N, C-alpha and C. Protein backbone atom coordinates (compact mmCIF):
# COMPACT_ATOMS: atom_id res chain seq x y z
N UNK A 1 0.86 -1.19 0.00
CA UNK A 1 0.00 0.00 0.00
C UNK A 1 0.88 1.23 0.00
N UNK A 2 0.59 2.20 -0.84
CA UNK A 2 1.33 3.44 -0.90
C UNK A 2 0.38 4.60 -0.76
N UNK A 3 0.75 5.59 -0.04
CA UNK A 3 -0.09 6.78 0.05
C UNK A 3 0.15 7.65 -1.15
N UNK A 4 -0.75 8.60 -1.37
CA UNK A 4 -0.52 9.58 -2.41
C UNK A 4 0.66 10.44 -2.01
N UNK A 5 1.50 10.86 -2.98
CA UNK A 5 2.72 11.60 -2.64
C UNK A 5 2.48 12.78 -1.72
N UNK A 6 1.46 13.58 -2.01
CA UNK A 6 1.26 14.78 -1.23
C UNK A 6 0.76 14.53 0.17
N UNK A 7 0.36 13.30 0.47
CA UNK A 7 -0.23 13.02 1.77
C UNK A 7 0.70 12.46 2.80
N UNK A 8 1.96 12.20 2.44
CA UNK A 8 2.87 11.53 3.37
C UNK A 8 3.15 12.38 4.60
N UNK A 9 3.40 13.67 4.41
CA UNK A 9 3.69 14.52 5.57
C UNK A 9 2.52 14.54 6.52
N UNK A 10 1.30 14.61 5.97
CA UNK A 10 0.11 14.63 6.83
C UNK A 10 -0.03 13.32 7.58
N UNK A 11 0.28 12.20 6.91
CA UNK A 11 0.19 10.91 7.56
C UNK A 11 1.22 10.78 8.68
N UNK A 12 2.42 11.29 8.43
CA UNK A 12 3.44 11.25 9.46
C UNK A 12 3.04 12.08 10.67
N UNK A 13 2.43 13.24 10.42
CA UNK A 13 1.98 14.08 11.51
C UNK A 13 0.90 13.36 12.32
N UNK A 14 -0.04 12.74 11.60
CA UNK A 14 -1.09 11.99 12.28
C UNK A 14 -0.49 10.83 13.07
N UNK A 15 0.51 10.18 12.50
CA UNK A 15 1.15 9.07 13.17
C UNK A 15 1.83 9.50 14.45
N UNK A 16 2.44 10.67 14.42
CA UNK A 16 3.13 11.16 15.62
C UNK A 16 2.13 11.38 16.75
N UNK A 17 0.92 11.83 16.41
CA UNK A 17 -0.11 12.07 17.42
C UNK A 17 -0.70 10.75 17.92
N UNK A 18 -1.02 9.86 16.96
CA UNK A 18 -1.72 8.63 17.31
C UNK A 18 -0.79 7.55 17.86
N UNK A 19 0.44 7.53 17.39
CA UNK A 19 1.33 6.43 17.72
C UNK A 19 2.48 6.84 18.63
N UNK A 20 2.65 8.12 18.86
CA UNK A 20 3.80 8.55 19.63
C UNK A 20 5.01 8.71 18.73
N UNK A 21 6.14 9.02 19.33
CA UNK A 21 7.36 9.26 18.55
C UNK A 21 7.83 7.98 17.89
N UNK A 22 8.41 8.11 16.72
CA UNK A 22 9.00 6.97 16.03
C UNK A 22 10.18 7.47 15.23
N UNK A 23 11.06 6.57 14.91
CA UNK A 23 12.24 6.92 14.13
C UNK A 23 12.44 5.91 13.03
N UNK A 24 13.14 6.34 11.98
CA UNK A 24 13.50 5.41 10.90
C UNK A 24 14.49 4.39 11.45
N UNK A 25 14.57 3.22 10.83
CA UNK A 25 15.48 2.18 11.32
C UNK A 25 16.91 2.68 11.42
N UNK A 26 17.64 2.20 12.43
CA UNK A 26 19.00 2.66 12.64
C UNK A 26 19.99 2.09 11.65
N UNK A 27 19.72 0.92 11.10
CA UNK A 27 20.66 0.30 10.18
C UNK A 27 20.15 0.40 8.75
N UNK A 28 21.03 0.73 7.80
CA UNK A 28 20.59 0.85 6.42
C UNK A 28 20.36 -0.51 5.78
N UNK A 29 19.53 -0.57 4.76
CA UNK A 29 19.36 -1.83 4.03
C UNK A 29 20.60 -2.14 3.21
N UNK A 30 20.74 -3.39 2.71
CA UNK A 30 21.93 -3.77 1.96
C UNK A 30 22.18 -2.91 0.73
N UNK A 31 21.14 -2.26 0.21
CA UNK A 31 21.28 -1.50 -1.02
C UNK A 31 22.25 -0.35 -0.93
N UNK A 32 22.57 0.12 0.28
CA UNK A 32 23.46 1.27 0.38
C UNK A 32 24.84 0.96 -0.18
N UNK A 33 25.33 -0.24 0.02
CA UNK A 33 26.64 -0.60 -0.53
C UNK A 33 26.56 -0.74 -2.04
N UNK A 34 25.48 -1.33 -2.52
CA UNK A 34 25.33 -1.51 -3.96
C UNK A 34 25.29 -0.17 -4.68
N UNK A 35 24.66 0.83 -4.06
CA UNK A 35 24.60 2.15 -4.67
C UNK A 35 26.00 2.69 -4.93
N UNK A 36 26.88 2.49 -3.97
CA UNK A 36 28.22 3.06 -4.08
C UNK A 36 29.11 2.26 -5.02
N UNK A 37 28.97 0.95 -5.00
CA UNK A 37 29.90 0.11 -5.76
C UNK A 37 29.50 -0.06 -7.23
N UNK A 38 28.21 -0.25 -7.47
CA UNK A 38 27.74 -0.49 -8.84
C UNK A 38 27.37 0.82 -9.49
N UNK A 39 28.37 1.61 -9.80
CA UNK A 39 28.15 2.98 -10.22
C UNK A 39 29.11 3.37 -11.34
N UNK A 40 28.98 2.75 -12.51
CA UNK A 40 29.93 3.03 -13.58
C UNK A 40 29.84 4.45 -14.12
N UNK A 41 28.70 5.13 -13.91
CA UNK A 41 28.51 6.47 -14.47
C UNK A 41 28.79 7.60 -13.48
N UNK A 42 29.26 7.26 -12.31
CA UNK A 42 29.60 8.29 -11.34
C UNK A 42 28.41 8.96 -10.68
N UNK A 43 27.28 8.27 -10.61
CA UNK A 43 26.09 8.86 -10.00
C UNK A 43 26.21 8.96 -8.49
N UNK A 44 27.09 8.17 -7.90
CA UNK A 44 27.28 8.17 -6.45
C UNK A 44 28.75 8.38 -6.11
N UNK A 45 29.41 9.27 -6.85
CA UNK A 45 30.83 9.53 -6.60
C UNK A 45 31.12 11.01 -6.69
N UNK A 46 32.04 11.46 -5.87
CA UNK A 46 32.63 12.78 -6.03
C UNK A 46 34.11 12.60 -6.32
N UNK A 47 34.68 13.58 -6.99
CA UNK A 47 36.08 13.47 -7.41
C UNK A 47 36.74 14.82 -7.23
N UNK A 48 38.00 14.80 -6.82
CA UNK A 48 38.71 16.06 -6.67
C UNK A 48 40.13 15.92 -7.20
N UNK A 49 40.66 17.06 -7.65
CA UNK A 49 42.05 17.16 -8.08
C UNK A 49 42.66 18.39 -7.43
N UNK A 50 43.77 18.22 -6.75
CA UNK A 50 44.49 19.33 -6.13
C UNK A 50 45.47 19.89 -7.15
N UNK A 51 45.36 21.19 -7.40
CA UNK A 51 46.17 21.84 -8.43
C UNK A 51 47.08 22.86 -7.78
N UNK A 52 48.35 22.72 -8.02
CA UNK A 52 49.29 23.70 -7.48
C UNK A 52 49.41 23.70 -5.97
N UNK A 53 49.03 22.62 -5.36
CA UNK A 53 49.21 22.49 -3.92
C UNK A 53 48.05 22.97 -3.09
N UNK A 54 47.26 23.95 -3.56
CA UNK A 54 46.17 24.50 -2.74
C UNK A 54 44.83 24.55 -3.48
N UNK A 55 44.84 24.88 -4.76
CA UNK A 55 43.59 24.97 -5.51
C UNK A 55 42.98 23.57 -5.72
N UNK A 56 41.66 23.52 -5.78
CA UNK A 56 40.97 22.24 -5.94
C UNK A 56 39.98 22.33 -7.09
N UNK A 57 40.03 21.34 -7.95
CA UNK A 57 38.99 21.16 -8.97
C UNK A 57 38.12 20.00 -8.53
N UNK A 58 36.84 20.25 -8.37
CA UNK A 58 35.94 19.21 -7.87
C UNK A 58 34.89 18.81 -8.89
N UNK A 59 34.54 17.55 -8.89
CA UNK A 59 33.48 17.03 -9.76
C UNK A 59 32.43 16.35 -8.88
N UNK A 60 31.19 16.82 -9.00
CA UNK A 60 30.09 16.24 -8.24
C UNK A 60 29.34 15.23 -9.12
N UNK A 61 28.47 14.41 -8.52
CA UNK A 61 27.74 13.42 -9.31
C UNK A 61 26.95 14.06 -10.46
N UNK A 62 26.84 13.33 -11.55
CA UNK A 62 26.13 13.79 -12.73
C UNK A 62 24.63 13.83 -12.44
N UNK A 63 24.02 15.02 -12.52
CA UNK A 63 22.60 15.14 -12.21
C UNK A 63 21.71 14.50 -13.27
N UNK A 64 22.27 14.16 -14.42
CA UNK A 64 21.48 13.48 -15.46
C UNK A 64 21.16 12.04 -15.08
N UNK A 65 21.75 11.56 -13.98
CA UNK A 65 21.49 10.19 -13.53
C UNK A 65 20.05 10.01 -13.06
N UNK A 66 19.39 11.13 -12.71
CA UNK A 66 18.00 11.07 -12.27
C UNK A 66 17.81 10.20 -11.03
N UNK A 67 18.75 10.28 -10.08
CA UNK A 67 18.61 9.55 -8.84
C UNK A 67 17.49 10.20 -8.01
N UNK A 68 16.77 9.39 -7.24
CA UNK A 68 15.69 9.96 -6.43
C UNK A 68 16.23 10.84 -5.31
N UNK A 69 17.36 10.45 -4.75
CA UNK A 69 18.08 11.29 -3.81
C UNK A 69 19.44 11.57 -4.41
N UNK A 70 19.79 12.84 -4.57
CA UNK A 70 21.07 13.13 -5.21
C UNK A 70 21.85 14.15 -4.41
N UNK A 71 23.17 14.00 -4.47
CA UNK A 71 24.09 14.93 -3.85
C UNK A 71 24.48 15.96 -4.89
N UNK A 72 24.28 17.24 -4.57
CA UNK A 72 24.56 18.32 -5.52
C UNK A 72 25.53 19.32 -4.89
N UNK A 73 26.23 20.06 -5.75
CA UNK A 73 27.21 21.04 -5.29
C UNK A 73 26.52 22.18 -4.55
N UNK A 74 27.19 22.68 -3.52
CA UNK A 74 26.69 23.85 -2.79
C UNK A 74 27.84 24.85 -2.62
N UNK A 75 28.66 24.94 -3.65
CA UNK A 75 29.84 25.79 -3.60
C UNK A 75 31.04 25.02 -4.09
N UNK A 76 32.18 25.68 -4.12
CA UNK A 76 33.40 25.04 -4.62
C UNK A 76 34.10 24.26 -3.52
N UNK A 77 34.69 23.13 -3.90
CA UNK A 77 35.55 22.40 -2.96
C UNK A 77 36.78 23.25 -2.67
N UNK A 78 37.24 23.20 -1.43
CA UNK A 78 38.41 23.99 -1.04
C UNK A 78 39.36 23.12 -0.23
N UNK A 79 40.60 23.59 -0.14
CA UNK A 79 41.60 22.91 0.67
C UNK A 79 42.33 23.93 1.52
N UNK A 80 42.39 23.67 2.82
CA UNK A 80 43.14 24.50 3.74
C UNK A 80 44.06 23.59 4.53
N UNK A 81 45.36 23.78 4.35
CA UNK A 81 46.30 22.84 4.94
C UNK A 81 46.10 21.47 4.31
N UNK A 82 45.88 20.47 5.14
CA UNK A 82 45.65 19.13 4.58
C UNK A 82 44.17 18.74 4.62
N UNK A 83 43.27 19.72 4.86
CA UNK A 83 41.85 19.43 4.98
C UNK A 83 41.08 19.84 3.72
N UNK A 84 40.40 18.88 3.13
CA UNK A 84 39.55 19.12 1.97
C UNK A 84 38.12 19.31 2.44
N UNK A 85 37.47 20.38 2.00
CA UNK A 85 36.08 20.66 2.33
C UNK A 85 35.21 20.49 1.09
N UNK A 86 34.18 19.67 1.23
CA UNK A 86 33.25 19.39 0.13
C UNK A 86 31.87 19.89 0.53
N UNK A 87 31.45 21.09 0.08
CA UNK A 87 30.11 21.59 0.42
C UNK A 87 29.06 20.94 -0.48
N UNK A 88 27.93 20.58 0.11
CA UNK A 88 26.92 19.88 -0.69
C UNK A 88 25.52 20.10 -0.12
N UNK A 89 24.55 19.81 -0.93
CA UNK A 89 23.16 19.68 -0.52
C UNK A 89 22.66 18.32 -0.99
N UNK A 90 21.60 17.83 -0.39
CA UNK A 90 20.90 16.65 -0.90
C UNK A 90 19.56 17.12 -1.45
N UNK A 91 19.24 16.66 -2.65
CA UNK A 91 17.98 17.04 -3.29
C UNK A 91 17.08 15.81 -3.42
N UNK A 92 15.83 15.99 -3.06
CA UNK A 92 14.84 14.93 -3.16
C UNK A 92 14.11 15.05 -4.50
N UNK A 93 14.43 14.15 -5.42
CA UNK A 93 13.78 14.17 -6.72
C UNK A 93 12.68 13.13 -6.84
N UNK A 94 12.34 12.50 -5.72
CA UNK A 94 11.24 11.54 -5.75
C UNK A 94 9.92 12.30 -5.71
N UNK A 95 8.83 11.55 -5.76
CA UNK A 95 7.51 12.16 -5.77
C UNK A 95 6.94 12.32 -4.37
N UNK A 96 7.70 11.94 -3.35
CA UNK A 96 7.18 11.94 -1.99
C UNK A 96 8.18 12.56 -1.03
N UNK A 97 7.68 12.94 0.14
CA UNK A 97 8.56 13.44 1.19
C UNK A 97 9.49 12.33 1.68
N UNK A 98 10.66 12.73 2.15
CA UNK A 98 11.63 11.79 2.68
C UNK A 98 11.90 12.14 4.14
N UNK A 99 11.85 11.14 5.01
CA UNK A 99 12.10 11.37 6.42
C UNK A 99 13.57 11.70 6.67
N UNK A 100 13.81 12.74 7.44
CA UNK A 100 15.17 13.14 7.81
C UNK A 100 15.54 12.57 9.17
N UNK A 101 16.82 12.37 9.44
CA UNK A 101 17.95 12.67 8.56
C UNK A 101 18.16 11.60 7.48
N UNK A 102 18.81 11.99 6.40
CA UNK A 102 19.25 11.06 5.37
C UNK A 102 20.62 10.51 5.78
N UNK A 103 20.82 9.22 5.56
CA UNK A 103 22.10 8.58 5.88
C UNK A 103 23.03 8.65 4.67
N UNK A 104 24.20 9.21 4.86
CA UNK A 104 25.24 9.21 3.83
C UNK A 104 26.39 8.37 4.36
N UNK A 105 26.77 7.34 3.61
CA UNK A 105 27.82 6.44 4.06
C UNK A 105 28.96 6.36 3.06
N UNK A 106 30.16 6.28 3.59
CA UNK A 106 31.37 6.07 2.79
C UNK A 106 32.14 4.92 3.41
N UNK A 107 32.47 3.94 2.59
CA UNK A 107 33.32 2.83 3.05
C UNK A 107 34.78 3.17 2.80
N UNK A 108 35.65 2.60 3.61
CA UNK A 108 37.08 2.77 3.37
C UNK A 108 37.43 2.34 1.95
N UNK A 109 36.80 1.26 1.49
CA UNK A 109 37.09 0.74 0.15
C UNK A 109 36.54 1.64 -0.95
N UNK A 110 35.65 2.59 -0.58
CA UNK A 110 35.10 3.50 -1.57
C UNK A 110 35.93 4.75 -1.77
N UNK A 111 37.01 4.90 -1.00
CA UNK A 111 37.92 6.04 -1.16
C UNK A 111 39.13 5.57 -1.93
N UNK A 112 39.29 6.07 -3.14
CA UNK A 112 40.31 5.55 -4.05
C UNK A 112 41.21 6.68 -4.54
N UNK A 113 42.50 6.57 -4.29
CA UNK A 113 43.47 7.53 -4.82
C UNK A 113 43.69 7.26 -6.30
N UNK A 114 43.66 8.30 -7.10
CA UNK A 114 43.90 8.18 -8.54
C UNK A 114 45.29 8.67 -8.93
N UNK A 115 45.80 9.61 -8.15
CA UNK A 115 47.15 10.12 -8.41
C UNK A 115 47.83 10.44 -7.09
N UNK A 116 48.85 9.68 -6.69
CA UNK A 116 49.30 8.45 -7.35
C UNK A 116 48.34 7.30 -7.03
N UNK A 117 48.25 6.38 -7.96
CA UNK A 117 47.27 5.29 -7.85
C UNK A 117 47.60 4.32 -6.73
N UNK A 118 48.84 4.28 -6.30
CA UNK A 118 49.24 3.32 -5.27
C UNK A 118 49.25 3.93 -3.87
N UNK A 119 48.68 5.13 -3.71
CA UNK A 119 48.67 5.76 -2.39
C UNK A 119 47.79 4.96 -1.44
N UNK A 120 48.20 4.79 -0.20
CA UNK A 120 47.40 4.01 0.75
C UNK A 120 46.15 4.75 1.19
N UNK A 121 45.15 3.99 1.64
CA UNK A 121 43.90 4.57 2.13
C UNK A 121 44.15 5.52 3.29
N UNK A 122 45.20 5.27 4.05
CA UNK A 122 45.50 6.12 5.22
C UNK A 122 45.81 7.55 4.84
N UNK A 123 46.08 7.81 3.54
CA UNK A 123 46.35 9.18 3.10
C UNK A 123 45.08 9.96 2.80
N UNK A 124 43.91 9.30 2.86
CA UNK A 124 42.62 9.94 2.62
C UNK A 124 41.68 9.53 3.76
N UNK A 125 41.45 10.46 4.69
CA UNK A 125 40.75 10.09 5.92
C UNK A 125 39.54 11.00 6.15
N UNK A 126 38.32 10.44 6.26
CA UNK A 126 37.14 11.24 6.62
C UNK A 126 37.33 11.83 8.02
N UNK A 127 36.87 13.08 8.21
CA UNK A 127 37.10 13.76 9.48
C UNK A 127 35.83 14.05 10.28
N UNK A 128 34.74 14.44 9.64
CA UNK A 128 33.60 14.97 10.39
C UNK A 128 32.36 14.08 10.36
N UNK A 129 32.57 12.76 10.18
CA UNK A 129 31.42 11.85 10.19
C UNK A 129 30.78 11.83 11.57
N UNK A 130 29.52 11.42 11.60
CA UNK A 130 28.81 11.33 12.88
C UNK A 130 29.18 10.07 13.65
N UNK A 131 29.52 9.02 12.94
CA UNK A 131 29.94 7.79 13.62
C UNK A 131 30.68 6.89 12.65
N UNK A 132 31.40 5.93 13.23
CA UNK A 132 32.08 4.90 12.45
C UNK A 132 31.39 3.58 12.73
N UNK A 133 30.98 2.89 11.67
CA UNK A 133 30.23 1.65 11.79
C UNK A 133 31.11 0.46 11.46
N UNK A 134 30.55 -0.72 11.61
CA UNK A 134 31.30 -1.93 11.29
C UNK A 134 31.61 -1.97 9.80
N UNK A 135 32.64 -2.74 9.46
CA UNK A 135 33.01 -2.90 8.05
C UNK A 135 33.66 -1.69 7.43
N UNK A 136 34.20 -0.80 8.26
CA UNK A 136 34.89 0.36 7.70
C UNK A 136 33.96 1.41 7.12
N UNK A 137 32.72 1.48 7.61
CA UNK A 137 31.77 2.46 7.10
C UNK A 137 31.78 3.72 7.96
N UNK A 138 31.81 4.87 7.29
CA UNK A 138 31.69 6.15 7.96
C UNK A 138 30.30 6.71 7.66
N UNK A 139 29.64 7.21 8.69
CA UNK A 139 28.25 7.64 8.56
C UNK A 139 28.09 9.11 8.88
N UNK A 140 27.43 9.83 7.97
CA UNK A 140 26.99 11.20 8.20
C UNK A 140 25.46 11.20 8.21
N UNK A 141 24.86 11.86 9.19
CA UNK A 141 23.42 12.05 9.23
C UNK A 141 23.13 13.46 8.74
N UNK A 142 22.51 13.55 7.57
CA UNK A 142 22.36 14.84 6.90
C UNK A 142 21.00 15.45 7.24
N UNK A 143 21.03 16.65 7.78
CA UNK A 143 19.87 17.41 8.24
C UNK A 143 19.30 16.79 9.51
N UNK A 144 18.44 17.56 10.17
CA UNK A 144 17.91 17.10 11.43
C UNK A 144 16.62 16.33 11.25
N UNK A 145 15.78 16.41 12.26
CA UNK A 145 14.51 15.70 12.20
C UNK A 145 13.55 16.43 11.27
N UNK A 146 12.47 15.72 10.91
CA UNK A 146 11.48 16.32 10.03
C UNK A 146 11.39 15.58 8.72
N UNK A 147 11.06 16.29 7.67
CA UNK A 147 10.90 15.68 6.35
C UNK A 147 11.41 16.62 5.28
N UNK A 148 11.94 16.03 4.22
CA UNK A 148 12.40 16.77 3.05
C UNK A 148 11.35 16.58 1.96
N UNK A 149 10.65 17.65 1.63
CA UNK A 149 9.54 17.55 0.68
C UNK A 149 10.05 17.21 -0.72
N UNK A 150 9.18 16.64 -1.53
CA UNK A 150 9.51 16.33 -2.91
C UNK A 150 9.95 17.61 -3.63
N UNK A 151 11.08 17.52 -4.31
CA UNK A 151 11.61 18.66 -5.05
C UNK A 151 12.47 19.60 -4.24
N UNK A 152 12.50 19.45 -2.92
CA UNK A 152 13.29 20.34 -2.06
C UNK A 152 14.71 19.82 -1.84
N UNK A 153 15.56 20.72 -1.36
CA UNK A 153 16.94 20.37 -1.02
C UNK A 153 17.20 20.67 0.44
N UNK A 154 18.16 19.98 1.01
CA UNK A 154 18.59 20.28 2.38
C UNK A 154 19.40 21.57 2.39
N UNK A 155 19.68 22.07 3.58
CA UNK A 155 20.61 23.18 3.70
C UNK A 155 22.02 22.72 3.36
N UNK A 156 22.92 23.67 3.29
CA UNK A 156 24.31 23.34 2.95
C UNK A 156 24.96 22.56 4.09
N UNK A 157 25.61 21.48 3.72
CA UNK A 157 26.37 20.68 4.68
C UNK A 157 27.75 20.46 4.08
N UNK A 158 28.66 19.89 4.85
CA UNK A 158 30.03 19.68 4.36
C UNK A 158 30.53 18.30 4.73
N UNK A 159 31.34 17.75 3.84
CA UNK A 159 32.16 16.58 4.13
C UNK A 159 33.59 17.08 4.25
N UNK A 160 34.28 16.63 5.28
CA UNK A 160 35.68 17.00 5.47
C UNK A 160 36.56 15.75 5.38
N UNK A 161 37.66 15.87 4.66
CA UNK A 161 38.61 14.77 4.53
C UNK A 161 40.02 15.31 4.74
N UNK A 162 40.85 14.54 5.41
CA UNK A 162 42.27 14.85 5.47
C UNK A 162 42.93 14.20 4.27
N UNK A 163 43.63 15.02 3.49
CA UNK A 163 44.31 14.53 2.30
C UNK A 163 45.80 14.75 2.48
N UNK A 164 46.53 13.68 2.67
CA UNK A 164 47.97 13.77 2.89
C UNK A 164 48.74 13.62 1.59
N UNK A 165 49.91 14.26 1.53
CA UNK A 165 50.81 14.05 0.40
C UNK A 165 51.22 12.58 0.38
N UNK A 166 51.39 12.00 -0.81
CA UNK A 166 51.49 12.67 -2.11
C UNK A 166 50.18 12.71 -2.90
N UNK A 167 49.04 12.44 -2.28
CA UNK A 167 47.78 12.35 -3.03
C UNK A 167 47.39 13.72 -3.59
N UNK A 168 47.09 13.76 -4.89
CA UNK A 168 46.61 14.98 -5.53
C UNK A 168 45.29 14.77 -6.27
N UNK A 169 44.85 13.53 -6.39
CA UNK A 169 43.58 13.26 -7.07
C UNK A 169 42.97 11.99 -6.50
N UNK A 170 41.66 12.02 -6.28
CA UNK A 170 40.99 10.85 -5.72
C UNK A 170 39.50 10.92 -6.02
N UNK A 171 38.83 9.78 -5.87
CA UNK A 171 37.38 9.77 -5.95
C UNK A 171 36.81 9.05 -4.73
N UNK A 172 35.62 9.47 -4.35
CA UNK A 172 34.98 8.95 -3.14
C UNK A 172 33.58 8.49 -3.50
N UNK A 173 33.33 7.20 -3.33
CA UNK A 173 32.01 6.63 -3.60
C UNK A 173 31.20 6.65 -2.31
N UNK A 174 29.92 6.95 -2.43
CA UNK A 174 29.08 7.04 -1.25
C UNK A 174 27.72 6.39 -1.53
N UNK A 175 27.04 6.06 -0.45
CA UNK A 175 25.67 5.58 -0.54
C UNK A 175 24.76 6.54 0.20
N UNK A 176 23.54 6.69 -0.31
CA UNK A 176 22.53 7.53 0.34
C UNK A 176 21.32 6.67 0.66
N UNK A 177 20.80 6.81 1.84
CA UNK A 177 19.56 6.12 2.20
C UNK A 177 18.62 7.13 2.84
N UNK A 178 17.46 7.28 2.22
CA UNK A 178 16.38 8.08 2.80
C UNK A 178 15.16 7.20 2.91
N UNK A 179 14.22 7.62 3.69
CA UNK A 179 13.02 6.80 3.90
C UNK A 179 11.77 7.61 3.60
N UNK A 180 10.92 7.01 2.77
CA UNK A 180 9.56 7.50 2.68
C UNK A 180 8.79 6.76 3.76
N UNK A 181 8.09 7.49 4.59
CA UNK A 181 7.39 6.81 5.67
C UNK A 181 5.93 7.21 5.74
N UNK A 182 5.08 6.29 6.06
CA UNK A 182 3.70 6.65 6.31
C UNK A 182 3.10 5.69 7.33
N UNK A 183 2.05 6.15 7.99
CA UNK A 183 1.49 5.44 9.13
C UNK A 183 0.04 5.07 8.82
N UNK A 184 -0.31 3.84 9.14
CA UNK A 184 -1.69 3.39 9.03
C UNK A 184 -2.13 2.92 10.41
N UNK A 185 -3.21 3.45 10.90
CA UNK A 185 -3.75 3.05 12.19
C UNK A 185 -4.98 2.19 11.94
N UNK A 186 -4.97 0.94 12.43
CA UNK A 186 -6.09 0.05 12.16
C UNK A 186 -7.25 0.30 13.11
N UNK A 187 -8.32 -0.48 12.95
CA UNK A 187 -9.55 -0.26 13.71
C UNK A 187 -9.37 -0.48 15.21
N UNK A 188 -8.30 -1.18 15.58
CA UNK A 188 -8.03 -1.43 17.00
C UNK A 188 -7.09 -0.37 17.59
N UNK A 189 -6.74 0.63 16.78
CA UNK A 189 -5.86 1.68 17.25
C UNK A 189 -4.39 1.31 17.22
N UNK A 190 -4.08 0.17 16.55
CA UNK A 190 -2.68 -0.25 16.47
C UNK A 190 -2.01 0.44 15.29
N UNK A 191 -0.74 0.76 15.47
CA UNK A 191 0.00 1.52 14.45
C UNK A 191 0.87 0.60 13.61
N UNK A 192 0.85 0.84 12.32
CA UNK A 192 1.75 0.15 11.40
C UNK A 192 2.50 1.22 10.62
N UNK A 193 3.81 1.25 10.75
CA UNK A 193 4.62 2.26 10.09
C UNK A 193 5.37 1.60 8.95
N UNK A 194 5.17 2.09 7.74
CA UNK A 194 5.78 1.54 6.55
C UNK A 194 6.93 2.44 6.10
N UNK A 195 8.05 1.83 5.84
CA UNK A 195 9.22 2.59 5.37
C UNK A 195 9.68 2.02 4.04
N UNK A 196 9.88 2.91 3.09
CA UNK A 196 10.32 2.49 1.76
C UNK A 196 11.62 3.20 1.46
N UNK A 197 12.65 2.42 1.18
CA UNK A 197 13.96 2.99 0.89
C UNK A 197 13.99 3.57 -0.52
N UNK A 198 14.56 4.77 -0.68
CA UNK A 198 14.70 5.38 -1.99
C UNK A 198 16.00 4.92 -2.63
C-alpha cells in the first residue's frame, strides 16, 4: 500500500499524534553498498584534483542520472592545509517526502586515490562523520529531524577529509539512504509504520 505523494507529511503528523514518537530504522538496508559500488557512471561519486598544492577542482555526481536522492554542489571544494572541504546539498527528486535525517555512508574501500594510484587509504581520511560503523563504514546524518519535501533540497552541509601528500587526485564513492514513511492506524488503534527505501 502506498499513500498519495502529497499526503505523506500529513500521515506522518497523524502518526506522531496517534502512535507517539517513532524513528527510521537505525541500520541501512543492503542496497546502500550496492549504490556506491555499482556505479559506472559516477552517480554516487565525487572526485577532486588538487592543483598547485592548494587549488581544488571538484566534480560532483552527474545530475542526469535522475537519482531519487542526489548529492549536488553547494559551492566550490576547497583545501586549507591538509583538509579538503566538500560543500553539498541533498535534493529529493522523488515524488514523496523523505524522512530526515538522510544517511550518507562512505566505506574505506570507496575512497580511491587516482594520483598516485598506489597511495594508501590512510592518506585519505574522513574527518567529520557522525559515527564509524562496522566494516569500515563512515556515517553522516544529513539534516535534522522532520521531512524533506519532494523537489526540495537540504541546507548546505560539508564533508571533510584529510588529504595527505602525495595524493593529488581521488574519488569517493558514497551511498545515500532516505526513507519515505507513512502510518496506518487500524480499527483497534494499532499503528503500522511503513518505510520504503529510496
